[in-house]
Amino acid sequence: MASNRTAVPRAIRDHVLGEYNHMCAICGGSSPHLHHIDDDNSNHDVLNLLPLCPNHHLNDQHNPTHRIDPGRLVLFRRFKDPAILSPQFEPLYDRLRFMDDLAVESTDLETLRGRASELIAFVAALHMGDFYSGRLGELISPIDHLLFLTTDTPQSELDQRHREHHVEYVEKIGAGRNEVLRLCAELLRYQDWLPADGI
């Protein structure tokens, strides 16, 4: 979402460039430009700015045939792991995205349960996956309630219990989201995904 371009305040510019030693966050190249991750040129929040060399900023970021997903840039900005930008991260990232929109009205309980279970199983297959999938399981595994309902329980009560369960599960995933992202970013350091010369 682009808006009117405004100048990045000097203190913010100096802070972000200093954080990356005045080099491109992706390749370490010189003369970086500050890229607005959300494409809003007036949003100068420190976590929305990423120094990119002219090659990565102009060719990769603004070339519609090769655009890095802004969500991945947000993760890269937060965790500073180049593996987040590698093509090998894409399958894990795709499985993390279900946590982006957790409104009860726009989610289905069975879909959420399936996506969470798929993420946990996918992580389990990676190096060090047993540990990390166990932790993810604690954070986002489906909640299993023992419902003491009889066959003559009214449908309205069944529907109400199902909705309460749905809301509780969405809240559980929302509460664990940041830790799930942190654990998945940490897991990357144990994977042998990047070529010897980097991205």
N, C-alpha and C. Protein backbone atom coordinates (compact mmCIF):
# COMPACT_ATOMS: atom_id res chain seq x y z
N MET A 1 0.84 -1.16 0.00
CA MET A 1 0.00 0.00 0.00
C MET A 1 0.89 1.23 0.00
N ALA A 2 1.09 1.83 -1.11
CA ALA A 2 1.95 2.99 -1.23
C ALA A 2 1.19 4.25 -0.85
N SER A 3 1.88 5.22 -0.29
CA SER A 3 1.28 6.52 0.01
C SER A 3 2.31 7.58 -0.34
N ASN A 4 2.03 8.81 0.06
CA ASN A 4 2.95 9.90 -0.24
C ASN A 4 4.29 9.65 0.44
N ARG A 5 5.34 9.75 -0.34
CA ARG A 5 6.69 9.54 0.18
C ARG A 5 7.08 10.70 1.08
N THR A 6 7.62 10.36 2.24
CA THR A 6 8.18 11.36 3.14
C THR A 6 9.59 10.92 3.49
N ALA A 7 10.40 11.87 3.89
CA ALA A 7 11.79 11.56 4.21
C ALA A 7 11.86 10.78 5.52
N VAL A 8 12.71 9.77 5.53
CA VAL A 8 12.95 9.02 6.77
C VAL A 8 13.72 9.93 7.72
N PRO A 9 13.23 10.13 8.93
CA PRO A 9 13.96 10.98 9.88
C PRO A 9 15.40 10.48 10.08
N ARG A 10 16.30 11.42 10.18
CA ARG A 10 17.72 11.09 10.24
C ARG A 10 18.05 10.10 11.37
N ALA A 11 17.46 10.30 12.55
CA ALA A 11 17.76 9.42 13.68
C ALA A 11 17.33 7.98 13.37
N ILE A 12 16.20 7.82 12.72
CA ILE A 12 15.73 6.48 12.36
C ILE A 12 16.62 5.89 11.28
N ARG A 13 16.95 6.69 10.26
CA ARG A 13 17.85 6.23 9.19
C ARG A 13 19.17 5.77 9.77
N ASP A 14 19.76 6.59 10.64
CA ASP A 14 21.05 6.25 11.24
C ASP A 14 20.95 4.97 12.08
N HIS A 15 19.84 4.83 12.81
CA HIS A 15 19.66 3.64 13.64
C HIS A 15 19.60 2.37 12.79
N VAL A 16 18.76 2.39 11.74
CA VAL A 16 18.59 1.19 10.92
C VAL A 16 19.88 0.88 10.16
N LEU A 17 20.50 1.86 9.57
CA LEU A 17 21.75 1.62 8.84
C LEU A 17 22.84 1.14 9.80
N GLY A 18 22.90 1.70 10.99
CA GLY A 18 23.89 1.27 11.97
C GLY A 18 23.66 -0.16 12.42
N GLU A 19 22.41 -0.55 12.51
CA GLU A 19 22.07 -1.92 12.91
C GLU A 19 22.65 -2.94 11.93
N TYR A 20 22.76 -2.55 10.66
CA TYR A 20 23.28 -3.44 9.62
C TYR A 20 24.67 -3.00 9.14
N ASN A 21 25.36 -2.20 9.95
CA ASN A 21 26.72 -1.73 9.62
C ASN A 21 26.78 -1.05 8.26
N HIS A 22 25.72 -0.34 7.92
CA HIS A 22 25.63 0.43 6.66
C HIS A 22 25.81 -0.46 5.43
N MET A 23 25.33 -1.72 5.54
CA MET A 23 25.43 -2.66 4.42
C MET A 23 24.06 -3.24 4.12
N CYS A 24 23.93 -3.81 2.92
CA CYS A 24 22.70 -4.47 2.51
C CYS A 24 22.41 -5.62 3.47
N ALA A 25 21.18 -5.70 3.95
CA ALA A 25 20.80 -6.75 4.88
C ALA A 25 20.87 -8.13 4.24
N ILE A 26 20.75 -8.21 2.92
CA ILE A 26 20.71 -9.50 2.24
C ILE A 26 22.11 -9.96 1.83
N CYS A 27 22.86 -9.07 1.16
CA CYS A 27 24.14 -9.52 0.60
C CYS A 27 25.36 -8.84 1.20
N GLY A 28 25.16 -7.84 2.05
CA GLY A 28 26.30 -7.13 2.62
C GLY A 28 26.89 -6.10 1.69
N GLY A 29 26.19 -5.81 0.58
CA GLY A 29 26.68 -4.82 -0.38
C GLY A 29 26.65 -3.41 0.19
N SER A 30 27.37 -2.53 -0.47
CA SER A 30 27.48 -1.15 0.01
C SER A 30 26.37 -0.26 -0.56
N SER A 31 26.31 0.94 -0.03
CA SER A 31 25.36 1.98 -0.46
C SER A 31 23.90 1.52 -0.42
N PRO A 32 23.45 0.99 0.71
CA PRO A 32 22.06 0.49 0.75
C PRO A 32 21.04 1.63 0.76
N HIS A 33 19.89 1.34 0.18
CA HIS A 33 18.71 2.21 0.27
C HIS A 33 17.85 1.63 1.40
N LEU A 34 17.01 2.45 1.99
CA LEU A 34 16.08 1.94 2.99
C LEU A 34 14.80 1.53 2.29
N HIS A 35 14.48 0.26 2.39
CA HIS A 35 13.26 -0.28 1.78
C HIS A 35 12.16 -0.32 2.83
N HIS A 36 10.97 0.16 2.45
CA HIS A 36 9.79 0.08 3.31
C HIS A 36 9.12 -1.26 3.06
N ILE A 37 9.16 -2.15 4.02
CA ILE A 37 8.68 -3.51 3.84
C ILE A 37 7.22 -3.53 3.42
N ASP A 38 6.40 -2.67 4.02
CA ASP A 38 4.96 -2.67 3.68
C ASP A 38 4.64 -1.80 2.47
N ASP A 39 5.66 -1.27 1.79
CA ASP A 39 5.51 -0.40 0.62
C ASP A 39 4.83 0.93 0.93
N ASP A 40 4.66 1.27 2.20
CA ASP A 40 4.11 2.56 2.59
C ASP A 40 5.29 3.48 2.87
N ASN A 41 5.58 4.38 1.91
CA ASN A 41 6.77 5.23 2.01
C ASN A 41 6.68 6.29 3.09
N SER A 42 5.58 6.33 3.83
CA SER A 42 5.49 7.25 4.95
C SER A 42 5.54 6.52 6.29
N ASN A 43 5.62 5.19 6.26
CA ASN A 43 5.70 4.39 7.50
C ASN A 43 7.18 4.16 7.83
N HIS A 44 7.70 4.99 8.71
CA HIS A 44 9.13 4.93 9.03
C HIS A 44 9.40 4.21 10.35
N ASP A 45 8.53 3.28 10.71
CA ASP A 45 8.78 2.45 11.88
C ASP A 45 10.08 1.68 11.65
N VAL A 46 10.91 1.59 12.65
CA VAL A 46 12.21 0.93 12.52
C VAL A 46 12.06 -0.49 11.97
N LEU A 47 11.05 -1.23 12.44
CA LEU A 47 10.88 -2.61 11.99
C LEU A 47 10.27 -2.72 10.60
N ASN A 48 9.89 -1.58 10.01
CA ASN A 48 9.38 -1.57 8.64
C ASN A 48 10.47 -1.20 7.64
N LEU A 49 11.65 -0.90 8.11
CA LEU A 49 12.74 -0.46 7.24
C LEU A 49 13.85 -1.51 7.19
N LEU A 50 14.33 -1.73 5.98
CA LEU A 50 15.37 -2.74 5.76
C LEU A 50 16.37 -2.17 4.76
N PRO A 51 17.66 -2.09 5.11
CA PRO A 51 18.63 -1.58 4.15
C PRO A 51 18.93 -2.61 3.07
N LEU A 52 18.72 -2.22 1.82
CA LEU A 52 18.99 -3.10 0.69
C LEU A 52 19.88 -2.37 -0.30
N CYS A 53 20.85 -3.09 -0.86
CA CYS A 53 21.73 -2.50 -1.86
C CYS A 53 20.89 -2.15 -3.10
N PRO A 54 21.40 -1.30 -4.00
CA PRO A 54 20.62 -0.95 -5.19
C PRO A 54 20.16 -2.17 -5.98
N ASN A 55 20.98 -3.21 -6.05
CA ASN A 55 20.58 -4.41 -6.80
C ASN A 55 19.37 -5.08 -6.16
N HIS A 56 19.42 -5.35 -4.88
CA HIS A 56 18.29 -6.01 -4.22
C HIS A 56 17.08 -5.10 -4.10
N HIS A 57 17.31 -3.82 -3.86
CA HIS A 57 16.19 -2.90 -3.70
C HIS A 57 15.46 -2.66 -5.02
N LEU A 58 16.18 -2.37 -6.05
CA LEU A 58 15.53 -2.02 -7.31
C LEU A 58 15.16 -3.23 -8.14
N ASN A 59 16.04 -4.20 -8.22
CA ASN A 59 15.75 -5.34 -9.08
C ASN A 59 14.83 -6.36 -8.42
N ASP A 60 15.14 -6.76 -7.20
CA ASP A 60 14.34 -7.80 -6.56
C ASP A 60 13.04 -7.25 -5.97
N GLN A 61 13.13 -6.14 -5.25
CA GLN A 61 11.96 -5.67 -4.54
C GLN A 61 10.92 -5.02 -5.45
N HIS A 62 11.33 -4.39 -6.50
CA HIS A 62 10.38 -3.67 -7.32
C HIS A 62 10.21 -4.28 -8.70
N ASN A 63 10.69 -5.50 -8.86
CA ASN A 63 10.48 -6.25 -10.09
C ASN A 63 9.33 -7.21 -9.84
N PRO A 64 8.18 -6.98 -10.50
CA PRO A 64 7.02 -7.82 -10.19
C PRO A 64 7.21 -9.29 -10.52
N THR A 65 8.22 -9.63 -11.31
CA THR A 65 8.45 -11.04 -11.61
C THR A 65 9.29 -11.73 -10.54
N HIS A 66 9.86 -10.95 -9.65
CA HIS A 66 10.69 -11.56 -8.59
C HIS A 66 10.54 -10.74 -7.31
N ARG A 67 9.41 -10.82 -6.70
CA ARG A 67 9.13 -10.04 -5.49
C ARG A 67 9.17 -10.96 -4.27
N ILE A 68 9.90 -10.53 -3.26
CA ILE A 68 9.94 -11.28 -2.01
C ILE A 68 8.68 -10.92 -1.22
N ASP A 69 8.00 -11.92 -0.73
CA ASP A 69 6.78 -11.72 0.03
C ASP A 69 7.06 -10.79 1.22
N PRO A 70 6.26 -9.74 1.40
CA PRO A 70 6.50 -8.83 2.53
C PRO A 70 6.49 -9.54 3.88
N GLY A 71 5.70 -10.59 4.02
CA GLY A 71 5.69 -11.34 5.28
C GLY A 71 7.03 -11.97 5.57
N ARG A 72 7.70 -12.44 4.52
CA ARG A 72 9.04 -13.01 4.71
C ARG A 72 10.04 -11.92 5.07
N LEU A 73 9.87 -10.72 4.47
CA LEU A 73 10.76 -9.61 4.83
C LEU A 73 10.55 -9.21 6.29
N VAL A 74 9.30 -9.25 6.76
CA VAL A 74 9.04 -8.94 8.17
C VAL A 74 9.77 -9.94 9.06
N LEU A 75 9.69 -11.23 8.72
CA LEU A 75 10.39 -12.25 9.51
C LEU A 75 11.90 -12.06 9.43
N PHE A 76 12.39 -11.76 8.22
CA PHE A 76 13.83 -11.54 8.05
C PHE A 76 14.29 -10.35 8.88
N ARG A 77 13.49 -9.28 8.87
CA ARG A 77 13.84 -8.07 9.63
C ARG A 77 13.88 -8.40 11.13
N ARG A 78 12.95 -9.20 11.56
CA ARG A 78 12.84 -9.53 12.99
C ARG A 78 13.94 -10.48 13.45
N PHE A 79 14.23 -11.53 12.65
CA PHE A 79 15.14 -12.57 13.10
C PHE A 79 16.51 -12.54 12.43
N LYS A 80 16.65 -11.76 11.36
CA LYS A 80 17.94 -11.54 10.69
C LYS A 80 18.63 -12.83 10.24
N ASP A 81 17.86 -13.79 9.80
CA ASP A 81 18.42 -15.06 9.31
C ASP A 81 18.22 -15.13 7.81
N PRO A 82 19.32 -15.15 7.02
CA PRO A 82 19.18 -15.18 5.56
C PRO A 82 18.44 -16.40 5.03
N ALA A 83 18.36 -17.47 5.82
CA ALA A 83 17.63 -18.66 5.37
C ALA A 83 16.15 -18.34 5.15
N ILE A 84 15.64 -17.31 5.81
CA ILE A 84 14.24 -16.91 5.64
C ILE A 84 13.98 -16.46 4.21
N LEU A 85 14.99 -15.93 3.54
CA LEU A 85 14.82 -15.46 2.16
C LEU A 85 15.16 -16.52 1.13
N SER A 86 15.64 -17.68 1.57
CA SER A 86 16.01 -18.72 0.63
C SER A 86 14.77 -19.45 0.12
N PRO A 87 14.84 -19.98 -1.11
CA PRO A 87 13.70 -20.74 -1.64
C PRO A 87 13.35 -21.96 -0.78
N GLN A 88 14.32 -22.52 -0.09
CA GLN A 88 14.09 -23.70 0.73
C GLN A 88 13.17 -23.40 1.92
N PHE A 89 13.08 -22.14 2.32
CA PHE A 89 12.22 -21.76 3.44
C PHE A 89 10.75 -21.70 3.03
N GLU A 90 10.48 -21.58 1.75
CA GLU A 90 9.11 -21.38 1.27
C GLU A 90 8.11 -22.43 1.78
N PRO A 91 8.42 -23.73 1.75
CA PRO A 91 7.44 -24.70 2.26
C PRO A 91 7.10 -24.51 3.75
N LEU A 92 8.09 -24.16 4.56
CA LEU A 92 7.83 -23.91 5.97
C LEU A 92 7.03 -22.63 6.13
N TYR A 93 7.40 -21.60 5.38
CA TYR A 93 6.68 -20.32 5.44
C TYR A 93 5.22 -20.50 5.04
N ASP A 94 4.97 -21.26 4.00
CA ASP A 94 3.59 -21.50 3.57
C ASP A 94 2.78 -22.14 4.69
N ARG A 95 3.40 -23.00 5.47
CA ARG A 95 2.68 -23.68 6.54
C ARG A 95 2.51 -22.80 7.79
N LEU A 96 3.29 -21.71 7.88
CA LEU A 96 3.15 -20.77 8.98
C LEU A 96 2.05 -19.74 8.73
N ARG A 97 1.71 -19.53 7.48
CA ARG A 97 0.83 -18.42 7.12
C ARG A 97 -0.59 -18.54 7.64
N PHE A 98 -1.02 -19.72 8.02
CA PHE A 98 -2.39 -19.84 8.52
C PHE A 98 -2.61 -19.02 9.78
N MET A 99 -1.52 -18.67 10.47
CA MET A 99 -1.65 -17.90 11.71
C MET A 99 -1.81 -16.40 11.45
N ASP A 100 -1.72 -15.98 10.19
CA ASP A 100 -1.81 -14.55 9.87
C ASP A 100 -3.22 -13.99 10.04
N ASP A 101 -4.24 -14.77 9.75
CA ASP A 101 -5.62 -14.30 9.85
C ASP A 101 -6.39 -15.26 10.74
N LEU A 102 -6.52 -14.89 12.00
CA LEU A 102 -7.13 -15.80 12.95
C LEU A 102 -8.50 -15.31 13.42
N ALA A 103 -9.17 -14.51 12.63
CA ALA A 103 -10.52 -14.08 13.02
C ALA A 103 -11.43 -15.30 13.03
N VAL A 104 -12.19 -15.45 14.09
CA VAL A 104 -13.08 -16.61 14.22
C VAL A 104 -14.04 -16.67 13.04
N GLU A 105 -14.50 -15.50 12.59
CA GLU A 105 -15.48 -15.46 11.52
C GLU A 105 -14.92 -15.94 10.18
N SER A 106 -13.63 -15.83 9.99
CA SER A 106 -13.04 -16.20 8.70
C SER A 106 -12.25 -17.50 8.75
N THR A 107 -12.37 -18.23 9.85
CA THR A 107 -11.65 -19.49 9.95
C THR A 107 -12.63 -20.62 10.26
N ASP A 108 -12.23 -21.80 9.92
CA ASP A 108 -13.01 -22.99 10.19
C ASP A 108 -12.19 -23.84 11.16
N LEU A 109 -12.84 -24.37 12.18
CA LEU A 109 -12.13 -25.11 13.22
C LEU A 109 -11.36 -26.29 12.65
N GLU A 110 -11.97 -27.06 11.80
CA GLU A 110 -11.29 -28.24 11.25
C GLU A 110 -10.11 -27.84 10.37
N THR A 111 -10.26 -26.74 9.62
CA THR A 111 -9.15 -26.25 8.79
C THR A 111 -7.98 -25.82 9.68
N LEU A 112 -8.28 -25.09 10.76
CA LEU A 112 -7.23 -24.67 11.69
C LEU A 112 -6.51 -25.86 12.30
N ARG A 113 -7.29 -26.84 12.74
CA ARG A 113 -6.69 -28.04 13.33
C ARG A 113 -5.79 -28.74 12.32
N GLY A 114 -6.26 -28.83 11.08
CA GLY A 114 -5.47 -29.48 10.04
C GLY A 114 -4.20 -28.73 9.71
N ARG A 115 -4.29 -27.38 9.62
CA ARG A 115 -3.10 -26.59 9.30
C ARG A 115 -2.07 -26.64 10.43
N ALA A 116 -2.53 -26.57 11.68
CA ALA A 116 -1.61 -26.65 12.81
C ALA A 116 -0.94 -28.02 12.85
N SER A 117 -1.70 -29.06 12.64
CA SER A 117 -1.13 -30.41 12.64
C SER A 117 -0.14 -30.60 11.50
N GLU A 118 -0.45 -30.02 10.34
CA GLU A 118 0.46 -30.12 9.20
C GLU A 118 1.78 -29.41 9.49
N LEU A 119 1.71 -28.21 10.10
CA LEU A 119 2.93 -27.48 10.46
C LEU A 119 3.77 -28.30 11.43
N ILE A 120 3.15 -28.86 12.44
CA ILE A 120 3.87 -29.65 13.44
C ILE A 120 4.53 -30.87 12.79
N ALA A 121 3.80 -31.55 11.90
CA ALA A 121 4.35 -32.73 11.23
C ALA A 121 5.49 -32.34 10.29
N PHE A 122 5.34 -31.21 9.60
CA PHE A 122 6.40 -30.76 8.68
C PHE A 122 7.68 -30.45 9.46
N VAL A 123 7.55 -29.73 10.55
CA VAL A 123 8.71 -29.39 11.37
C VAL A 123 9.36 -30.66 11.93
N ALA A 124 8.55 -31.65 12.27
CA ALA A 124 9.08 -32.91 12.81
C ALA A 124 10.01 -33.60 11.82
N ALA A 125 9.79 -33.38 10.53
CA ALA A 125 10.61 -34.03 9.50
C ALA A 125 11.94 -33.32 9.27
N LEU A 126 12.13 -32.14 9.84
CA LEU A 126 13.37 -31.39 9.65
C LEU A 126 14.42 -31.81 10.68
N HIS A 127 15.66 -31.41 10.43
CA HIS A 127 16.73 -31.69 11.37
C HIS A 127 16.42 -30.99 12.69
N MET A 128 16.51 -31.69 13.80
CA MET A 128 16.15 -31.20 15.14
C MET A 128 14.63 -31.07 15.28
N GLY A 129 13.90 -31.68 14.35
CA GLY A 129 12.46 -31.53 14.31
C GLY A 129 11.73 -32.12 15.50
N ASP A 130 12.27 -33.17 16.11
CA ASP A 130 11.57 -33.77 17.25
C ASP A 130 11.39 -32.75 18.38
N PHE A 131 12.46 -32.04 18.69
CA PHE A 131 12.39 -31.03 19.75
C PHE A 131 11.43 -29.91 19.37
N TYR A 132 11.62 -29.35 18.17
CA TYR A 132 10.83 -28.18 17.78
C TYR A 132 9.36 -28.53 17.55
N SER A 133 9.08 -29.68 17.00
CA SER A 133 7.67 -30.05 16.80
C SER A 133 6.98 -30.28 18.15
N GLY A 134 7.74 -30.78 19.11
CA GLY A 134 7.18 -30.93 20.45
C GLY A 134 6.79 -29.59 21.06
N ARG A 135 7.67 -28.62 20.91
CA ARG A 135 7.37 -27.27 21.43
C ARG A 135 6.19 -26.65 20.69
N LEU A 136 6.15 -26.81 19.34
CA LEU A 136 5.02 -26.28 18.58
C LEU A 136 3.74 -26.96 19.01
N GLY A 137 3.82 -28.26 19.27
CA GLY A 137 2.64 -28.98 19.72
C GLY A 137 2.06 -28.40 21.00
N GLU A 138 2.93 -28.01 21.93
CA GLU A 138 2.46 -27.40 23.17
C GLU A 138 1.74 -26.08 22.91
N LEU A 139 2.20 -25.37 21.89
CA LEU A 139 1.67 -24.03 21.62
C LEU A 139 0.43 -24.02 20.74
N ILE A 140 0.36 -24.91 19.75
CA ILE A 140 -0.74 -24.80 18.78
C ILE A 140 -1.48 -26.10 18.48
N SER A 141 -1.19 -27.16 19.22
CA SER A 141 -1.94 -28.39 18.99
C SER A 141 -3.41 -28.16 19.27
N PRO A 142 -4.25 -28.86 18.56
CA PRO A 142 -5.69 -28.73 18.81
C PRO A 142 -6.03 -29.05 20.25
N ILE A 143 -7.01 -28.33 20.76
CA ILE A 143 -7.50 -28.55 22.11
C ILE A 143 -8.52 -29.68 22.04
N ASP A 144 -8.31 -30.68 22.85
CA ASP A 144 -9.27 -31.78 22.90
C ASP A 144 -10.06 -31.69 24.20
N HIS A 145 -11.33 -31.41 24.04
CA HIS A 145 -12.23 -31.35 25.19
C HIS A 145 -13.03 -32.63 25.28
N LEU A 146 -13.18 -33.09 26.47
CA LEU A 146 -14.10 -34.20 26.68
C LEU A 146 -15.47 -33.60 26.95
N LEU A 147 -16.34 -33.71 25.97
CA LEU A 147 -17.67 -33.14 26.12
C LEU A 147 -18.61 -34.23 26.61
N PHE A 148 -19.17 -34.00 27.76
CA PHE A 148 -20.11 -34.97 28.29
C PHE A 148 -21.51 -34.62 27.81
N LEU A 149 -21.76 -34.97 26.57
CA LEU A 149 -23.04 -34.69 25.95
C LEU A 149 -23.74 -36.01 25.68
N THR A 150 -25.01 -35.96 25.75
CA THR A 150 -25.79 -37.16 25.48
C THR A 150 -26.38 -37.06 24.08
N THR A 151 -26.92 -38.15 23.64
CA THR A 151 -27.50 -38.16 22.29
C THR A 151 -28.72 -37.26 22.20
N ASP A 152 -29.30 -36.90 23.34
CA ASP A 152 -30.46 -36.02 23.28
C ASP A 152 -30.10 -34.56 23.59
N THR A 153 -28.78 -34.22 23.57
CA THR A 153 -28.36 -32.83 23.75
C THR A 153 -28.90 -32.01 22.58
N PRO A 154 -29.56 -30.90 22.88
CA PRO A 154 -30.12 -30.08 21.80
C PRO A 154 -29.02 -29.58 20.85
N GLN A 155 -29.37 -29.46 19.57
CA GLN A 155 -28.43 -28.98 18.56
C GLN A 155 -27.90 -27.60 18.90
N SER A 156 -28.74 -26.76 19.47
CA SER A 156 -28.29 -25.40 19.82
C SER A 156 -27.15 -25.45 20.85
N GLU A 157 -27.23 -26.38 21.81
CA GLU A 157 -26.16 -26.52 22.79
C GLU A 157 -24.89 -27.08 22.14
N LEU A 158 -25.05 -28.03 21.25
CA LEU A 158 -23.90 -28.56 20.52
C LEU A 158 -23.21 -27.46 19.72
N ASP A 159 -24.01 -26.64 19.03
CA ASP A 159 -23.46 -25.54 18.25
C ASP A 159 -22.72 -24.53 19.14
N GLN A 160 -23.31 -24.24 20.30
CA GLN A 160 -22.69 -23.29 21.23
C GLN A 160 -21.36 -23.83 21.75
N ARG A 161 -21.32 -25.09 22.12
CA ARG A 161 -20.07 -25.70 22.60
C ARG A 161 -19.01 -25.70 21.50
N HIS A 162 -19.43 -26.00 20.26
CA HIS A 162 -18.50 -26.01 19.13
C HIS A 162 -17.93 -24.60 18.92
N ARG A 163 -18.77 -23.59 18.99
CA ARG A 163 -18.30 -22.21 18.81
C ARG A 163 -17.33 -21.82 19.93
N GLU A 164 -17.65 -22.17 21.17
CA GLU A 164 -16.76 -21.86 22.29
C GLU A 164 -15.41 -22.54 22.11
N HIS A 165 -15.43 -23.77 21.66
CA HIS A 165 -14.19 -24.52 21.40
C HIS A 165 -13.39 -23.83 20.31
N HIS A 166 -14.08 -23.38 19.26
CA HIS A 166 -13.43 -22.69 18.14
C HIS A 166 -12.75 -21.41 18.64
N VAL A 167 -13.48 -20.60 19.41
CA VAL A 167 -12.93 -19.34 19.93
C VAL A 167 -11.72 -19.62 20.81
N GLU A 168 -11.81 -20.62 21.67
CA GLU A 168 -10.71 -20.97 22.57
C GLU A 168 -9.47 -21.40 21.79
N TYR A 169 -9.68 -22.15 20.72
CA TYR A 169 -8.55 -22.62 19.93
C TYR A 169 -7.90 -21.49 19.15
N VAL A 170 -8.71 -20.60 18.60
CA VAL A 170 -8.16 -19.43 17.89
C VAL A 170 -7.33 -18.59 18.86
N GLU A 171 -7.83 -18.41 20.08
CA GLU A 171 -7.09 -17.64 21.09
C GLU A 171 -5.78 -18.33 21.45
N LYS A 172 -5.79 -19.65 21.54
CA LYS A 172 -4.56 -20.40 21.85
C LYS A 172 -3.52 -20.19 20.76
N ILE A 173 -3.93 -20.30 19.50
CA ILE A 173 -2.98 -20.11 18.40
C ILE A 173 -2.47 -18.68 18.39
N GLY A 174 -3.37 -17.71 18.58
CA GLY A 174 -2.95 -16.31 18.60
C GLY A 174 -1.94 -16.03 19.71
N ALA A 175 -2.17 -16.62 20.88
CA ALA A 175 -1.27 -16.41 22.01
C ALA A 175 0.10 -17.05 21.76
N GLY A 176 0.14 -18.13 21.00
CA GLY A 176 1.41 -18.82 20.75
C GLY A 176 2.12 -18.39 19.49
N ARG A 177 1.49 -17.54 18.68
CA ARG A 177 2.01 -17.20 17.35
C ARG A 177 3.46 -16.68 17.38
N ASN A 178 3.74 -15.69 18.23
CA ASN A 178 5.09 -15.11 18.24
C ASN A 178 6.14 -16.14 18.63
N GLU A 179 5.81 -17.00 19.59
CA GLU A 179 6.77 -18.03 19.99
C GLU A 179 6.93 -19.07 18.90
N VAL A 180 5.87 -19.39 18.18
CA VAL A 180 5.97 -20.33 17.05
C VAL A 180 6.92 -19.76 15.99
N LEU A 181 6.75 -18.48 15.66
CA LEU A 181 7.63 -17.85 14.67
C LEU A 181 9.08 -17.86 15.15
N ARG A 182 9.28 -17.55 16.43
CA ARG A 182 10.64 -17.53 16.97
C ARG A 182 11.27 -18.92 16.90
N LEU A 183 10.51 -19.93 17.27
CA LEU A 183 11.03 -21.30 17.24
C LEU A 183 11.35 -21.73 15.82
N CYS A 184 10.49 -21.39 14.86
CA CYS A 184 10.74 -21.79 13.47
C CYS A 184 11.95 -21.05 12.91
N ALA A 185 12.14 -19.79 13.30
CA ALA A 185 13.34 -19.06 12.86
C ALA A 185 14.58 -19.68 13.50
N GLU A 186 14.50 -20.05 14.75
CA GLU A 186 15.63 -20.69 15.44
C GLU A 186 15.96 -22.04 14.81
N LEU A 187 14.95 -22.76 14.42
CA LEU A 187 15.12 -24.07 13.79
C LEU A 187 15.97 -23.98 12.51
N LEU A 188 15.89 -22.83 11.83
CA LEU A 188 16.60 -22.68 10.56
C LEU A 188 18.11 -22.84 10.71
N ARG A 189 18.64 -22.47 11.85
CA ARG A 189 20.10 -22.55 12.01
C ARG A 189 20.60 -23.99 12.00
N TYR A 190 19.71 -24.95 12.19
CA TYR A 190 20.11 -26.35 12.18
C TYR A 190 19.91 -27.02 10.82
N GLN A 191 19.39 -26.24 9.85
CA GLN A 191 19.15 -26.81 8.52
C GLN A 191 20.31 -26.46 7.61
N ASP A 192 20.65 -27.32 6.69
CA ASP A 192 21.73 -27.08 5.75
C ASP A 192 21.12 -26.68 4.40
N TRP A 193 20.46 -25.50 4.40
CA TRP A 193 19.73 -25.07 3.22
C TRP A 193 20.48 -24.14 2.31
N LEU A 194 21.37 -23.32 2.88
CA LEU A 194 21.98 -22.27 2.06
C LEU A 194 23.23 -22.78 1.37
N PRO A 195 23.41 -22.36 0.09
CA PRO A 195 24.67 -22.72 -0.59
C PRO A 195 25.84 -22.02 0.12
N ALA A 196 27.01 -22.51 -0.17
CA ALA A 196 28.21 -21.98 0.51
C ALA A 196 28.39 -20.49 0.31
N ASP A 197 27.97 -19.95 -0.84
CA ASP A 197 28.16 -18.52 -1.12
C ASP A 197 26.95 -17.69 -0.71
N GLY A 198 26.00 -18.23 0.07
CA GLY A 198 24.85 -17.48 0.54
C GLY A 198 23.74 -17.46 -0.48
N ILE A 199 22.82 -16.53 -0.30
CA ILE A 199 21.65 -16.43 -1.18
C ILE A 199 22.05 -15.87 -2.52
